[in-house]
Protein backbone atom coordinates (compact mmCIF):
# COMPACT_ATOMS: atom_id res chain seq x y z
CA UNK A 1 -1.76 -12.69 21.69
CA UNK A 2 -2.82 -9.74 19.33
CA UNK A 3 -4.26 -10.96 16.16
CA UNK A 4 -5.15 -8.50 13.20
CA UNK A 5 -6.35 -8.90 9.93
CA UNK A 6 -4.72 -7.07 6.79
CA UNK A 7 -6.64 -6.92 3.41
CA UNK A 8 -4.11 -6.06 0.63
CA UNK A 9 -5.99 -4.22 -2.19
CA UNK A 10 -4.35 -3.27 -5.51
CA UNK A 11 -6.72 -1.45 -8.00
CA UNK A 12 -4.91 -2.88 -11.15
CA UNK A 13 -4.92 -6.71 -11.94
CA UNK A 14 -3.62 -8.19 -14.79
CA UNK A 15 -6.50 -10.46 -15.66
CA UNK A 16 -9.31 -8.29 -14.06
CA UNK A 17 -8.43 -4.65 -13.78
CA UNK A 18 -10.46 -2.75 -11.27
CA UNK A 19 -11.94 -6.10 -10.15
CA UNK A 20 -12.28 -4.90 -6.47
CA UNK A 21 -14.39 -1.97 -7.32
CA UNK A 22 -16.96 -4.28 -9.14
CA UNK A 23 -20.40 -4.21 -7.80
CA UNK A 24 -21.56 -7.30 -5.81
CA UNK A 25 -24.99 -7.07 -4.62
CA UNK A 26 -24.77 -3.25 -4.22
CA UNK A 27 -21.65 -2.78 -2.84
CA UNK A 28 -17.93 -3.07 -4.25
CA UNK A 29 -16.13 -6.52 -3.85
CA UNK A 30 -13.52 -4.91 -1.81
CA UNK A 31 -16.35 -3.36 0.72
CA UNK A 32 -17.84 -6.87 0.76
CA UNK A 33 -14.71 -8.63 1.74
CA UNK A 34 -13.84 -6.03 4.53
CA UNK A 35 -17.40 -6.44 6.04
CA UNK A 36 -17.31 -10.05 6.01
CA UNK A 37 -13.67 -10.03 7.66
CA UNK A 38 -14.94 -7.58 10.37
CA UNK A 39 -18.35 -9.59 10.70
CA UNK A 40 -16.25 -12.44 12.20
CA UNK A 41 -15.28 -10.96 15.42
CA UNK A 42 -11.99 -12.86 15.54
CA UNK A 43 -9.52 -9.85 15.00
CA UNK A 44 -8.30 -7.19 17.26
CA UNK A 45 -8.45 -4.89 14.16
CA UNK A 46 -9.13 -5.15 10.49
CA UNK A 47 -7.30 -2.82 8.03
CA UNK A 48 -7.23 -2.52 4.12
CA UNK A 49 -4.06 -1.53 2.73
CA UNK A 50 -3.86 -0.12 -0.70
CA UNK A 51 -2.11 1.73 -3.37
CA UNK A 52 -5.29 3.35 -4.83
CA UNK A 53 -6.99 6.70 -4.12
CA UNK A 54 -10.42 4.98 -5.28
CA UNK A 55 -10.15 1.91 -2.86
CA UNK A 56 -8.80 4.27 0.02
CA UNK A 57 -11.92 6.42 -0.26
CA UNK A 58 -14.32 3.74 -0.64
CA UNK A 59 -13.26 2.12 2.56
CA UNK A 60 -13.01 5.37 4.38
CA UNK A 61 -16.27 6.67 3.38
CA UNK A 62 -18.02 3.74 4.50
CA UNK A 63 -16.21 3.94 8.11
CA UNK A 64 -13.56 1.40 7.64
CA UNK A 65 -9.85 1.46 8.64
CA UNK A 66 -7.53 1.64 5.60
CA UNK A 67 -3.76 2.59 4.94
CA UNK A 68 -2.47 4.02 2.19
CA UNK A 69 0.94 2.12 0.90
CA UNK A 70 4.01 4.47 0.80
CA UNK A 71 5.84 2.19 -1.86
CA UNK A 72 5.11 0.24 -4.96
CA UNK A 73 4.93 -3.43 -4.15
CA UNK A 74 5.00 -6.54 -6.26
CA UNK A 75 2.77 -8.67 -3.76
CA UNK A 76 0.28 -8.60 -0.97
CA UNK A 77 2.68 -9.96 1.63
CA UNK A 78 5.01 -6.91 0.93
CA UNK A 79 2.38 -4.54 1.17
CA UNK A 80 1.40 -5.60 4.47
CA UNK A 81 4.87 -6.00 5.79
CA UNK A 82 5.35 -2.18 5.27
CA UNK A 83 2.10 -1.69 7.01
CA UNK A 84 2.77 -3.70 10.08
CA UNK A 85 6.52 -3.01 10.65
CA UNK A 86 5.87 -0.51 13.43
CA UNK A 87 2.58 -1.99 14.94
CA UNK A 88 2.52 -3.79 18.06
CA UNK A 89 1.05 -7.28 16.98
CA UNK A 90 1.86 -10.98 17.25
CA UNK A 91 0.09 -12.58 14.20
CA UNK A 92 -1.38 -10.93 10.86
CA UNK A 93 -3.85 -12.56 8.68
CA UNK A 94 -3.95 -11.85 4.92
CA UNK A 95 -7.14 -11.82 3.71
CA UNK A 96 -7.49 -11.42 -0.20
CA UNK A 97 -9.28 -8.32 -1.20
CA UNK A 98 -11.25 -10.59 -3.91
CA UNK A 99 -12.44 -12.77 -1.15
CA UNK A 100 -15.90 -11.53 -0.33
CA UNK A 101 -17.02 -15.07 0.83
CA UNK A 102 -14.55 -15.34 3.54
CA UNK A 103 -15.82 -17.35 6.40
CA UNK A 104 -15.26 -17.36 10.12
CA UNK A 105 -14.63 -21.02 10.42
CA UNK A 106 -11.81 -21.23 8.33
CA UNK A 107 -10.13 -18.03 9.76
CA UNK A 108 -10.59 -19.46 13.24
CA UNK A 109 -8.70 -22.59 12.20
CA UNK A 110 -5.58 -20.46 11.18
CA UNK A 111 -5.66 -18.35 14.57
CA UNK A 112 -5.85 -21.93 16.21
CA UNK A 113 -2.66 -22.84 14.68
CA UNK A 114 -0.73 -20.20 16.38
CA UNK A 115 -2.74 -20.51 19.52
CA UNK A 116 -1.68 -24.25 19.91
CA UNK A 117 1.97 -23.85 18.57
CA UNK A 118 3.52 -23.10 22.03
CA UNK A 119 7.18 -23.83 20.65
CA UNK A 120 7.01 -21.50 17.77
CA UNK A 121 7.44 -24.14 15.21
CA UNK A 122 5.08 -22.45 12.73
CA UNK A 123 6.15 -19.54 10.85
CA UNK A 124 2.86 -18.95 8.73
CA UNK A 125 -0.29 -21.09 8.14
CA UNK A 126 -2.29 -21.23 5.16
CA UNK A 127 -5.58 -22.88 3.88
CA UNK A 128 -6.33 -25.72 1.31
CA UNK A 129 -9.34 -27.47 -0.26
CA UNK A 130 -9.36 -30.88 -1.41
CA UNK A 131 -10.29 -30.81 -5.19
CA UNK A 132 -11.26 -33.66 -7.39
CA UNK A 133 -12.53 -31.87 -10.84
CA UNK A 134 -9.77 -32.82 -13.31
CA UNK A 135 -10.29 -29.34 -15.12
CA UNK A 136 -9.77 -27.53 -11.92
CA UNK A 137 -6.53 -29.73 -11.21
CA UNK A 138 -5.01 -29.23 -14.48
CA UNK A 139 -5.95 -25.43 -14.59
CA UNK A 140 -2.63 -23.23 -14.13
CA UNK A 141 -4.87 -20.65 -12.55
CA UNK A 142 -5.71 -23.22 -9.65
CA UNK A 143 -2.55 -23.21 -7.22
CA UNK A 144 -1.86 -26.73 -6.14
CA UNK A 145 -0.12 -27.54 -2.75
CA UNK A 146 1.64 -30.96 -1.52
CA UNK A 147 2.19 -31.42 2.14
CA UNK A 148 3.73 -33.91 4.53
CA UNK A 149 2.24 -36.15 6.90
CA UNK A 150 2.04 -33.19 9.48
CA UNK A 151 0.46 -31.12 7.09
CA UNK A 152 3.53 -28.78 6.25
CA UNK A 153 3.86 -27.53 2.93
CA UNK A 154 6.29 -29.14 0.68
CA UNK A 155 5.61 -27.27 -2.53
CA UNK A 156 3.24 -24.94 -4.39
CA UNK A 157 2.64 -25.25 -8.02
CA UNK A 158 0.36 -24.03 -10.92
CA UNK A 159 1.29 -27.56 -12.44
CA UNK A 160 -0.75 -30.69 -11.82
CA UNK A 161 0.99 -31.99 -8.34
CA UNK A 162 1.31 -34.82 -7.74
CA UNK A 163 1.77 -36.09 -11.26
CA UNK A 164 -0.33 -39.05 -11.62
CA UNK A 165 2.44 -41.59 -13.17
CA UNK A 166 0.39 -44.35 -11.14
CA UNK A 167 -3.08 -44.16 -10.26
CA UNK A 168 -5.31 -45.73 -7.96
CA UNK A 169 -2.76 -45.14 -5.13
CA UNK A 170 -4.70 -42.69 -3.09
CA UNK A 171 -2.99 -39.38 -3.87
CA UNK A 172 -5.11 -36.31 -3.32
CA UNK A 173 -5.03 -32.82 -4.75
CA UNK A 174 -5.37 -29.81 -2.89
CA UNK A 175 -6.01 -26.17 -3.89
CA UNK A 176 -4.23 -23.35 -1.92
CA UNK A 177 -6.51 -20.57 -0.86
CA UNK A 178 -4.86 -17.31 -0.76
CA UNK A 179 -5.39 -16.52 2.80
CA UNK A 180 -2.29 -16.30 4.93
CA UNK A 181 -1.69 -16.22 8.52
CA UNK A 182 2.13 -14.82 9.59
CA UNK A 183 3.88 -14.44 12.85
CA UNK A 184 5.10 -10.75 12.47
CA UNK A 185 8.70 -11.72 12.17
CA UNK A 186 7.77 -14.03 9.56
CA UNK A 187 6.26 -11.57 7.28
CA UNK A 188 9.02 -8.67 8.05
CA UNK A 189 11.71 -11.53 6.91
CA UNK A 190 9.66 -12.11 3.73
CA UNK A 191 9.77 -8.24 2.95
CA UNK A 192 13.67 -8.13 3.25
CA UNK A 193 14.49 -11.57 1.40
CA UNK A 194 14.96 -11.24 -2.43
CA UNK A 195 12.79 -13.29 -4.79
CA UNK A 196 14.53 -16.53 -5.95
CA UNK A 197 14.05 -18.46 -9.19
CA UNK A 198 11.32 -20.97 -8.08
CA UNK A 199 8.98 -18.09 -6.93
CA UNK A 200 9.75 -15.82 -9.99
CA UNK A 201 9.09 -18.95 -12.45
CA UNK A 202 5.80 -19.91 -10.87
CA UNK A 203 4.50 -16.44 -9.59
CA UNK A 204 3.54 -17.68 -6.37
CA UNK A 205 4.85 -15.61 -3.53
CA UNK A 206 4.57 -18.21 -0.66
CA UNK A 207 7.27 -20.26 -2.42
CA UNK A 208 9.77 -17.56 -1.20
CA UNK A 209 8.96 -18.85 2.11
CA UNK A 210 9.81 -22.38 1.30
CA UNK A 211 13.02 -21.54 -0.47
CA UNK A 212 14.35 -19.69 2.67
CA UNK A 213 13.51 -22.49 4.99
CA UNK A 214 10.17 -21.31 6.53
CA UNK A 215 7.50 -23.68 7.94
CA UNK A 216 4.03 -23.27 6.44
CA UNK A 217 1.44 -25.26 8.18
CA UNK A 218 -1.59 -26.14 5.80
CA UNK A 219 -5.20 -26.32 7.09
CA UNK A 220 -7.83 -28.13 5.45
CA UNK A 221 -11.16 -26.37 4.92
CA UNK A 222 -14.30 -27.64 3.24
CA UNK A 223 -15.32 -23.81 2.58
CA UNK A 224 -14.06 -23.00 -0.91
CA UNK A 225 -15.85 -19.42 -1.66
CA UNK A 226 -15.14 -17.79 -4.79
CA UNK A 227 -12.05 -15.81 -5.51
CA UNK A 228 -12.83 -13.22 -8.28
CA UNK A 229 -9.95 -13.22 -10.75
CA UNK A 230 -12.03 -13.06 -13.89
CA UNK A 231 -15.35 -11.52 -15.34
CA UNK A 232 -16.52 -15.11 -15.01
CA UNK A 233 -15.74 -15.53 -11.51
CA UNK A 234 -17.71 -12.19 -10.65
CA UNK A 235 -20.92 -13.61 -12.34
CA UNK A 236 -20.56 -16.67 -10.33
CA UNK A 237 -20.24 -14.65 -7.14
CA UNK A 238 -23.18 -12.56 -8.07
CA UNK A 239 -25.34 -15.65 -8.47
CA UNK A 240 -24.04 -17.00 -5.14
CA UNK A 241 -24.66 -13.68 -3.38
CA UNK A 242 -28.29 -13.74 -4.42
């Protein structure tokens, strides 16, 4: 089974433009993420795929592997799909460019899902973290996920799900971490299928898979790390890096 990691990297970002080139301990965020992913030694290859000359040059000049997108894309999955279409691979893991604290243990759990899925029941896998802080649970910037008894995703939302109409019934809240592992065919299918209303409303790309009947296996991890979406996140990351 050939497994690679791809790191989609847009320079522009609505909440924090240029965030991937912000300094984190003497190196840009995107380079830190790339190096952390390579250092896991889990992949046959690690490649950044970008729309930016600035990011392309940063990775290339530091000896990394990087591809320039040929088309404009609305999301990271589309960018990866274009890049892997003609590659001889089985599974691709999407590590977000703003995740410099990407850890080996969590990525290995995703890889194990496919190694153990001998009947090909899983189209893709992703990570979730149990959260208890009420502010985080209610924050629309925190994407929540609910799962069935076999840990397959039922729905993702920026809203508070499940809604606690009844309390003290043992419902748990899970934050979705934007790290995805795809079978190659699943991500190529995603690339060709049009966006539907639920994905368009929530602005959560993995909802497209659910709307078209794909199965997403969620894997719980205790490693939350920091996703750098805002300047405040960057300051937290700098403190953690030290």
